[in-house]
N, C-alpha and C. Protein backbone atom coordinates (compact mmCIF):
# COMPACT_ATOMS: atom_id res chain seq x y z
N MET A 1 44.74 -19.28 2.94
CA MET A 1 45.74 -19.90 2.09
C MET A 1 46.74 -18.84 1.64
N ARG A 2 48.01 -19.20 1.62
CA ARG A 2 49.04 -18.27 1.19
C ARG A 2 49.10 -18.20 -0.32
N GLY A 3 49.49 -17.02 -0.84
CA GLY A 3 49.66 -16.86 -2.28
C GLY A 3 50.95 -17.53 -2.73
N VAL A 4 51.04 -17.78 -4.02
CA VAL A 4 52.23 -18.44 -4.56
C VAL A 4 53.49 -17.67 -4.20
N GLY A 5 53.44 -16.35 -4.26
CA GLY A 5 54.62 -15.54 -3.97
C GLY A 5 55.11 -15.64 -2.54
N GLU A 6 54.32 -16.19 -1.64
CA GLU A 6 54.72 -16.34 -0.25
C GLU A 6 55.46 -17.64 0.01
N LEU A 7 55.52 -18.52 -0.97
CA LEU A 7 56.21 -19.79 -0.83
C LEU A 7 57.58 -19.67 -1.49
N PRO A 8 58.68 -19.88 -0.76
CA PRO A 8 60.01 -19.62 -1.31
C PRO A 8 60.27 -20.25 -2.68
N SER A 9 60.06 -21.53 -2.84
CA SER A 9 60.34 -22.16 -4.13
C SER A 9 59.38 -21.68 -5.20
N ALA A 10 58.18 -21.36 -4.82
CA ALA A 10 57.18 -20.94 -5.80
C ALA A 10 57.52 -19.59 -6.42
N ASN A 11 58.38 -18.81 -5.78
CA ASN A 11 58.79 -17.54 -6.37
C ASN A 11 59.44 -17.75 -7.73
N LEU A 12 59.99 -18.91 -7.97
CA LEU A 12 60.61 -19.21 -9.27
C LEU A 12 59.57 -19.45 -10.34
N LEU A 13 58.36 -19.84 -9.97
CA LEU A 13 57.34 -20.17 -10.96
C LEU A 13 56.93 -18.98 -11.80
N VAL A 14 56.82 -17.82 -11.20
CA VAL A 14 56.30 -16.66 -11.91
C VAL A 14 57.20 -16.27 -13.08
N PRO A 15 58.52 -16.03 -12.87
CA PRO A 15 59.33 -15.64 -14.03
C PRO A 15 59.45 -16.74 -15.08
N MET A 16 59.27 -17.99 -14.71
CA MET A 16 59.37 -19.07 -15.70
C MET A 16 58.28 -18.99 -16.74
N GLY A 17 57.19 -18.35 -16.44
CA GLY A 17 56.10 -18.27 -17.40
C GLY A 17 56.20 -17.08 -18.34
N GLU A 18 57.13 -16.17 -18.06
CA GLU A 18 57.27 -14.98 -18.89
C GLU A 18 57.82 -15.32 -20.26
N HIS A 19 57.23 -14.75 -21.27
CA HIS A 19 57.69 -14.88 -22.66
C HIS A 19 57.57 -16.29 -23.21
N GLY A 20 56.99 -17.22 -22.48
CA GLY A 20 56.75 -18.56 -22.97
C GLY A 20 57.99 -19.37 -23.28
N ARG A 21 59.13 -19.00 -22.74
CA ARG A 21 60.35 -19.75 -23.01
C ARG A 21 60.98 -20.21 -21.70
N PRO A 22 61.78 -21.26 -21.77
CA PRO A 22 62.43 -21.74 -20.54
C PRO A 22 63.50 -20.77 -20.07
N HIS A 23 63.86 -20.88 -18.81
CA HIS A 23 64.87 -20.01 -18.21
C HIS A 23 66.00 -20.85 -17.63
N THR A 24 67.21 -20.33 -17.71
CA THR A 24 68.34 -21.02 -17.10
C THR A 24 68.32 -20.79 -15.59
N THR A 25 69.05 -21.64 -14.89
CA THR A 25 69.17 -21.49 -13.44
C THR A 25 69.77 -20.13 -13.11
N GLY A 26 70.80 -19.74 -13.84
CA GLY A 26 71.44 -18.45 -13.60
C GLY A 26 70.51 -17.27 -13.77
N ARG A 27 69.70 -17.33 -14.82
CA ARG A 27 68.76 -16.23 -15.05
C ARG A 27 67.73 -16.15 -13.92
N LEU A 28 67.22 -17.29 -13.49
CA LEU A 28 66.28 -17.29 -12.38
C LEU A 28 66.93 -16.75 -11.11
N ALA A 29 68.18 -17.15 -10.87
CA ALA A 29 68.89 -16.68 -9.68
C ALA A 29 69.03 -15.16 -9.71
N ARG A 30 69.40 -14.62 -10.85
CA ARG A 30 69.55 -13.16 -10.96
C ARG A 30 68.21 -12.45 -10.77
N ARG A 31 67.15 -12.99 -11.35
CA ARG A 31 65.82 -12.36 -11.23
C ARG A 31 65.36 -12.29 -9.77
N LEU A 32 65.75 -13.31 -8.99
CA LEU A 32 65.29 -13.37 -7.61
C LEU A 32 66.36 -12.96 -6.59
N ALA A 33 67.52 -12.54 -7.10
CA ALA A 33 68.63 -12.09 -6.25
C ALA A 33 69.04 -13.17 -5.25
N VAL A 34 69.22 -14.39 -5.75
CA VAL A 34 69.73 -15.49 -4.93
C VAL A 34 70.90 -16.12 -5.68
N SER A 35 71.63 -16.99 -5.01
CA SER A 35 72.75 -17.67 -5.66
C SER A 35 72.23 -18.72 -6.64
N ASP A 36 73.09 -19.11 -7.57
CA ASP A 36 72.73 -20.18 -8.50
C ASP A 36 72.40 -21.47 -7.74
N ALA A 37 73.16 -21.74 -6.68
CA ALA A 37 72.92 -22.96 -5.90
C ALA A 37 71.54 -22.92 -5.24
N THR A 38 71.14 -21.76 -4.73
CA THR A 38 69.83 -21.63 -4.11
C THR A 38 68.73 -21.80 -5.15
N ALA A 39 68.88 -21.16 -6.30
CA ALA A 39 67.88 -21.30 -7.37
C ALA A 39 67.79 -22.75 -7.82
N SER A 40 68.92 -23.44 -7.90
CA SER A 40 68.93 -24.84 -8.30
C SER A 40 68.21 -25.72 -7.29
N ALA A 41 68.43 -25.45 -6.01
CA ALA A 41 67.77 -26.23 -4.96
C ALA A 41 66.25 -26.02 -5.00
N HIS A 42 65.83 -24.79 -5.21
CA HIS A 42 64.39 -24.52 -5.29
C HIS A 42 63.80 -25.15 -6.55
N ALA A 43 64.54 -25.10 -7.66
CA ALA A 43 64.07 -25.74 -8.89
C ALA A 43 63.90 -27.24 -8.68
N ALA A 44 64.81 -27.85 -7.94
CA ALA A 44 64.69 -29.29 -7.66
C ALA A 44 63.42 -29.59 -6.87
N ALA A 45 63.08 -28.73 -5.92
CA ALA A 45 61.85 -28.92 -5.14
C ALA A 45 60.62 -28.79 -6.03
N LEU A 46 60.63 -27.81 -6.91
CA LEU A 46 59.50 -27.62 -7.83
C LEU A 46 59.38 -28.77 -8.82
N ARG A 47 60.51 -29.25 -9.29
CA ARG A 47 60.53 -30.41 -10.21
C ARG A 47 59.97 -31.64 -9.51
N GLY A 48 60.36 -31.84 -8.27
CA GLY A 48 59.86 -32.97 -7.50
C GLY A 48 58.36 -32.92 -7.26
N ALA A 49 57.82 -31.71 -7.23
CA ALA A 49 56.37 -31.53 -7.04
C ALA A 49 55.62 -31.55 -8.37
N GLY A 50 56.34 -31.69 -9.46
CA GLY A 50 55.70 -31.73 -10.78
C GLY A 50 55.29 -30.37 -11.31
N LEU A 51 55.88 -29.30 -10.77
CA LEU A 51 55.50 -27.95 -11.17
C LEU A 51 56.37 -27.38 -12.28
N ILE A 52 57.55 -27.97 -12.49
CA ILE A 52 58.42 -27.56 -13.59
C ILE A 52 59.06 -28.79 -14.23
N THR A 53 59.54 -28.60 -15.44
CA THR A 53 60.39 -29.60 -16.08
C THR A 53 61.76 -28.98 -16.29
N THR A 54 62.76 -29.80 -16.34
CA THR A 54 64.13 -29.32 -16.52
C THR A 54 64.79 -30.17 -17.59
N ILE A 55 65.46 -29.50 -18.53
CA ILE A 55 66.21 -30.22 -19.55
C ILE A 55 67.61 -29.62 -19.64
N ARG A 56 68.53 -30.44 -20.07
CA ARG A 56 69.89 -29.96 -20.30
C ARG A 56 70.03 -29.66 -21.78
N ALA A 57 70.57 -28.48 -22.08
CA ALA A 57 70.82 -28.06 -23.46
C ALA A 57 72.28 -27.62 -23.53
N GLY A 58 73.14 -28.55 -23.90
CA GLY A 58 74.57 -28.25 -23.89
C GLY A 58 75.05 -28.07 -22.47
N ARG A 59 75.62 -26.91 -22.20
CA ARG A 59 76.10 -26.62 -20.85
C ARG A 59 75.05 -25.95 -19.97
N SER A 60 73.91 -25.64 -20.56
CA SER A 60 72.85 -24.95 -19.82
C SER A 60 71.80 -25.93 -19.30
N VAL A 61 71.14 -25.54 -18.23
CA VAL A 61 70.00 -26.28 -17.70
C VAL A 61 68.81 -25.34 -17.84
N LEU A 62 67.76 -25.81 -18.52
CA LEU A 62 66.60 -24.98 -18.80
C LEU A 62 65.38 -25.47 -18.04
N HIS A 63 64.68 -24.54 -17.42
CA HIS A 63 63.51 -24.86 -16.61
C HIS A 63 62.28 -24.23 -17.25
N ARG A 64 61.19 -24.97 -17.23
CA ARG A 64 59.92 -24.47 -17.78
C ARG A 64 58.78 -24.96 -16.89
N ARG A 65 57.78 -24.11 -16.70
CA ARG A 65 56.62 -24.51 -15.91
C ARG A 65 55.84 -25.59 -16.63
N THR A 66 55.29 -26.51 -15.85
CA THR A 66 54.35 -27.49 -16.39
C THR A 66 52.96 -26.86 -16.39
N GLU A 67 52.01 -27.56 -16.95
CA GLU A 67 50.63 -27.08 -16.90
C GLU A 67 50.16 -26.92 -15.45
N LEU A 68 50.56 -27.87 -14.61
CA LEU A 68 50.20 -27.79 -13.20
C LEU A 68 50.81 -26.54 -12.56
N GLY A 69 52.07 -26.26 -12.86
CA GLY A 69 52.71 -25.06 -12.32
C GLY A 69 52.04 -23.79 -12.79
N SER A 70 51.65 -23.76 -14.06
CA SER A 70 50.95 -22.59 -14.59
C SER A 70 49.58 -22.43 -13.94
N LEU A 71 48.90 -23.53 -13.72
CA LEU A 71 47.59 -23.48 -13.06
C LEU A 71 47.73 -22.91 -11.65
N LEU A 72 48.75 -23.34 -10.94
CA LEU A 72 48.98 -22.83 -9.58
C LEU A 72 49.19 -21.33 -9.59
N VAL A 73 49.98 -20.84 -10.52
CA VAL A 73 50.24 -19.41 -10.60
C VAL A 73 48.97 -18.64 -10.93
N ARG A 74 48.20 -19.15 -11.89
CA ARG A 74 46.96 -18.47 -12.27
C ARG A 74 45.95 -18.43 -11.12
N ARG A 75 45.86 -19.49 -10.38
CA ARG A 75 44.86 -19.57 -9.31
C ARG A 75 45.28 -18.85 -8.04
N HIS A 76 46.56 -18.89 -7.72
CA HIS A 76 47.00 -18.39 -6.41
C HIS A 76 48.04 -17.29 -6.51
N GLY A 77 48.40 -16.91 -7.70
CA GLY A 77 49.43 -15.87 -7.88
C GLY A 77 48.93 -14.54 -7.53
């Protein structure tokens, strides 16, 4: 079985758990050295799998791991 870090979209899961706060799409993109559009597309895949939640806060979009996403990172990270 591959580790979480070997799955492209799953690379976003790890930084989302840092400091217990949600992250913007831009921040995730910078952390992973990808474009905002790429980070957004991967976030959509993770959201569809139930691994993250996304909320809009003004002009920002904030992403946070779900319990399922955190479990995946703990078990396979």
